[in-house]
Amino acid sequence: MRSPVSPDPNADRGHHHFSYALYPHAGDWKTALTVRRGYDYNYKLQAMQVEAHSGTLPLERSFITVKGNNVVLTAVKKAEDADGLILRFYEWAGQDGKVQIEAPKGAV
């Protein structure tokens, strides 16, 4: 049994909760987009309530859309020294390819 105590004497102790999912698919893991499905499973959409403001939005819209099967958006943060966003992506299949990123007008 593994029981590390340095540098954190409380590491790996206590109750842990895990979730597992099975993803049956044809072909290899890259063709089946297994990593993308894993991100979908592990990082669920989080809804937030905000104050009302003027203007209208379409009934369905993504803040950022990434078109490229082997690329996953992993982080979004506001730039500290400019009026913009910093996006971090992860290419998981070891393949070259084109990626298209779309954001609503005025989002960045």
C-alpha atoms as a PDB file:
ATOM      1  CA  MET A   1       0.000   0.000   0.000  1.00  0.00           C
ATOM      2  CA  ARG A   2       1.236   3.479  -0.898  1.00  0.00           C
ATOM      3  CA  SER A   3       1.226   5.995   1.929  1.00  0.00           C
ATOM      4  CA  PRO A   4       3.331   9.082   1.244  1.00  0.00           C
ATOM      5  CA  VAL A   5       3.884  11.498   4.104  1.00  0.00           C
ATOM      6  CA  SER A   6       6.334  13.996   2.617  1.00  0.00           C
ATOM      7  CA  PRO A   7       5.917  16.875   1.914  1.00  0.00           C
ATOM      8  CA  ASP A   8       2.212  16.608   2.865  1.00  0.00           C
ATOM      9  CA  PRO A   9       1.504  14.248   5.787  1.00  0.00           C
ATOM     10  CA  ASN A  10      -2.203  14.184   4.843  1.00  0.00           C
ATOM     11  CA  ALA A  11      -1.736  13.240   1.182  1.00  0.00           C
ATOM     12  CA  ASP A  12      -3.872  10.356  -0.098  1.00  0.00           C
ATOM     13  CA  ARG A  13      -5.702   9.947   3.205  1.00  0.00           C
ATOM     14  CA  GLY A  14      -9.395  10.130   3.909  1.00  0.00           C
ATOM     15  CA  HIS A  15     -12.353   9.267   1.712  1.00  0.00           C
ATOM     16  CA  HIS A  16     -12.034   9.559  -2.056  1.00  0.00           C
ATOM     17  CA  HIS A  17     -14.813   9.495  -4.636  1.00  0.00           C
ATOM     18  CA  PHE A  18     -14.299   8.380  -8.233  1.00  0.00           C
ATOM     19  CA  SER A  19     -16.494   8.195 -11.299  1.00  0.00           C
ATOM     20  CA  TYR A  20     -15.904   5.806 -14.169  1.00  0.00           C
ATOM     21  CA  ALA A  21     -17.478   5.535 -17.595  1.00  0.00           C
ATOM     22  CA  LEU A  22     -17.280   2.924 -20.335  1.00  0.00           C
ATOM     23  CA  TYR A  23     -17.154   4.116 -23.934  1.00  0.00           C
ATOM     24  CA  PRO A  24     -17.616   1.198 -26.350  1.00  0.00           C
ATOM     25  CA  HIS A  25     -16.494   2.167 -29.859  1.00  0.00           C
ATOM     26  CA  ALA A  26     -15.364   0.828 -33.204  1.00  0.00           C
ATOM     27  CA  GLY A  27     -11.819   1.381 -34.422  1.00  0.00           C
ATOM     28  CA  ASP A  28      -8.907   2.693 -32.402  1.00  0.00           C
ATOM     29  CA  TRP A  29      -9.052   5.243 -29.584  1.00  0.00           C
ATOM     30  CA  LYS A  30      -8.006   8.137 -31.836  1.00  0.00           C
ATOM     31  CA  THR A  31     -10.671   7.459 -34.469  1.00  0.00           C
ATOM     32  CA  ALA A  32     -13.319   7.142 -31.743  1.00  0.00           C
ATOM     33  CA  LEU A  33     -12.283  10.529 -30.246  1.00  0.00           C
ATOM     34  CA  THR A  34     -11.902   8.856 -26.858  1.00  0.00           C
ATOM     35  CA  VAL A  35      -9.965  11.737 -25.280  1.00  0.00           C
ATOM     36  CA  ARG A  36     -12.616  14.258 -26.360  1.00  0.00           C
ATOM     37  CA  ARG A  37     -15.346  12.024 -24.891  1.00  0.00           C
ATOM     38  CA  GLY A  38     -13.334  11.810 -21.669  1.00  0.00           C
ATOM     39  CA  TYR A  39     -13.176  15.596 -21.428  1.00  0.00           C
ATOM     40  CA  ASP A  40     -16.925  15.772 -22.058  1.00  0.00           C
ATOM     41  CA  TYR A  41     -17.470  13.317 -19.199  1.00  0.00           C
ATOM     42  CA  ASN A  42     -15.041  14.843 -16.697  1.00  0.00           C
ATOM     43  CA  TYR A  43     -15.647  18.544 -17.324  1.00  0.00           C
ATOM     44  CA  LYS A  44     -19.374  19.093 -17.350  1.00  0.00           C
ATOM     45  CA  LEU A  45     -20.996  22.358 -18.354  1.00  0.00           C
ATOM     46  CA  GLN A  46     -21.475  24.697 -15.405  1.00  0.00           C
ATOM     47  CA  ALA A  47     -24.370  27.151 -15.517  1.00  0.00           C
ATOM     48  CA  MET A  48     -24.132  30.433 -13.629  1.00  0.00           C
ATOM     49  CA  GLN A  49     -26.768  33.000 -12.799  1.00  0.00           C
ATOM     50  CA  VAL A  50     -25.908  36.586 -13.713  1.00  0.00           C
ATOM     51  CA  GLU A  51     -27.682  39.919 -13.475  1.00  0.00           C
ATOM     52  CA  ALA A  52     -30.058  40.882 -16.285  1.00  0.00           C
ATOM     53  CA  HIS A  53     -28.758  43.272 -18.928  1.00  0.00           C
ATOM     54  CA  SER A  54     -30.037  44.854 -22.110  1.00  0.00           C
ATOM     55  CA  GLY A  55     -29.724  43.191 -25.487  1.00  0.00           C
ATOM     56  CA  THR A  56     -30.766  39.873 -26.932  1.00  0.00           C
ATOM     57  CA  LEU A  57     -28.956  36.634 -27.549  1.00  0.00           C
ATOM     58  CA  PRO A  58     -29.828  33.681 -29.760  1.00  0.00           C
ATOM     59  CA  LEU A  59     -31.535  30.752 -28.022  1.00  0.00           C
ATOM     60  CA  GLU A  60     -28.419  28.653 -28.553  1.00  0.00           C
ATOM     61  CA  ARG A  61     -24.848  29.965 -28.626  1.00  0.00           C
ATOM     62  CA  SER A  62     -21.396  28.880 -27.539  1.00  0.00           C
ATOM     63  CA  PHE A  63     -18.968  31.302 -25.967  1.00  0.00           C
ATOM     64  CA  ILE A  64     -16.107  29.630 -27.819  1.00  0.00           C
ATOM     65  CA  THR A  65     -16.427  26.950 -30.497  1.00  0.00           C
ATOM     66  CA  VAL A  66     -13.434  24.798 -31.416  1.00  0.00           C
ATOM     67  CA  LYS A  67     -13.578  22.927 -34.718  1.00  0.00           C
ATOM     68  CA  GLY A  68     -10.886  20.288 -34.810  1.00  0.00           C
ATOM     69  CA  ASN A  69     -11.436  16.736 -33.587  1.00  0.00           C
ATOM     70  CA  ASN A  70      -7.994  16.316 -32.028  1.00  0.00           C
ATOM     71  CA  VAL A  71      -7.970  19.576 -30.029  1.00  0.00           C
ATOM     72  CA  VAL A  72      -9.559  20.312 -26.653  1.00  0.00           C
ATOM     73  CA  LEU A  73      -9.894  23.738 -25.024  1.00  0.00           C
ATOM     74  CA  THR A  74      -8.568  23.313 -21.478  1.00  0.00           C
ATOM     75  CA  ALA A  75      -8.478  26.841 -20.024  1.00  0.00           C
ATOM     76  CA  VAL A  76      -9.777  30.369 -20.596  1.00  0.00           C
ATOM     77  CA  LYS A  77      -8.577  33.395 -18.655  1.00  0.00           C
ATOM     78  CA  LYS A  78      -8.666  37.153 -19.019  1.00  0.00           C
ATOM     79  CA  ALA A  79      -5.367  38.669 -20.068  1.00  0.00           C
ATOM     80  CA  GLU A  80      -3.708  40.550 -17.213  1.00  0.00           C
ATOM     81  CA  ASP A  81      -2.045  43.278 -19.280  1.00  0.00           C
ATOM     82  CA  ALA A  82      -4.462  43.659 -22.211  1.00  0.00           C
ATOM     83  CA  ASP A  83      -8.146  43.632 -23.054  1.00  0.00           C
ATOM     84  CA  GLY A  84      -8.367  40.076 -24.336  1.00  0.00           C
ATOM     85  CA  LEU A  85      -8.520  36.397 -23.470  1.00  0.00           C
ATOM     86  CA  ILE A  86      -5.860  33.734 -23.184  1.00  0.00           C
ATOM     87  CA  LEU A  87      -6.939  30.297 -24.410  1.00  0.00           C
ATOM     88  CA  ARG A  88      -5.059  27.061 -23.708  1.00  0.00           C
ATOM     89  CA  PHE A  89      -5.559  24.057 -25.977  1.00  0.00           C
ATOM     90  CA  TYR A  90      -4.431  20.450 -25.831  1.00  0.00           C
ATOM     91  CA  GLU A  91      -3.745  18.398 -28.977  1.00  0.00           C
ATOM     92  CA  TRP A  92      -4.149  14.799 -27.857  1.00  0.00           C
ATOM     93  CA  ALA A  93      -3.689  12.654 -30.991  1.00  0.00           C
ATOM     94  CA  GLY A  94      -0.175  13.669 -32.070  1.00  0.00           C
ATOM     95  CA  GLN A  95      -1.528  14.793 -35.450  1.00  0.00           C
ATOM     96  CA  ASP A  96      -1.170  17.939 -37.529  1.00  0.00           C
ATOM     97  CA  GLY A  97      -4.358  19.564 -38.681  1.00  0.00           C
ATOM     98  CA  LYS A  98      -6.371  22.714 -39.022  1.00  0.00           C
ATOM     99  CA  VAL A  99      -8.222  24.141 -36.051  1.00  0.00           C
ATOM    100  CA  GLN A 100     -10.912  26.784 -36.315  1.00  0.00           C
ATOM    101  CA  ILE A 101     -11.820  28.869 -33.271  1.00  0.00           C
ATOM    102  CA  GLU A 102     -15.014  30.917 -33.230  1.00  0.00           C
ATOM    103  CA  ALA A 103     -16.238  33.420 -30.647  1.00  0.00           C
ATOM    104  CA  PRO A 104     -19.208  35.793 -30.765  1.00  0.00           C
ATOM    105  CA  LYS A 105     -18.478  39.314 -31.958  1.00  0.00           C
ATOM    106  CA  GLY A 106     -17.388  41.420 -29.000  1.00  0.00           C
ATOM    107  CA  ALA A 107     -16.443  38.429 -26.824  1.00  0.00           C
ATOM    108  CA  VAL A 108     -12.729  39.151 -27.128  1.00  0.00           C
END
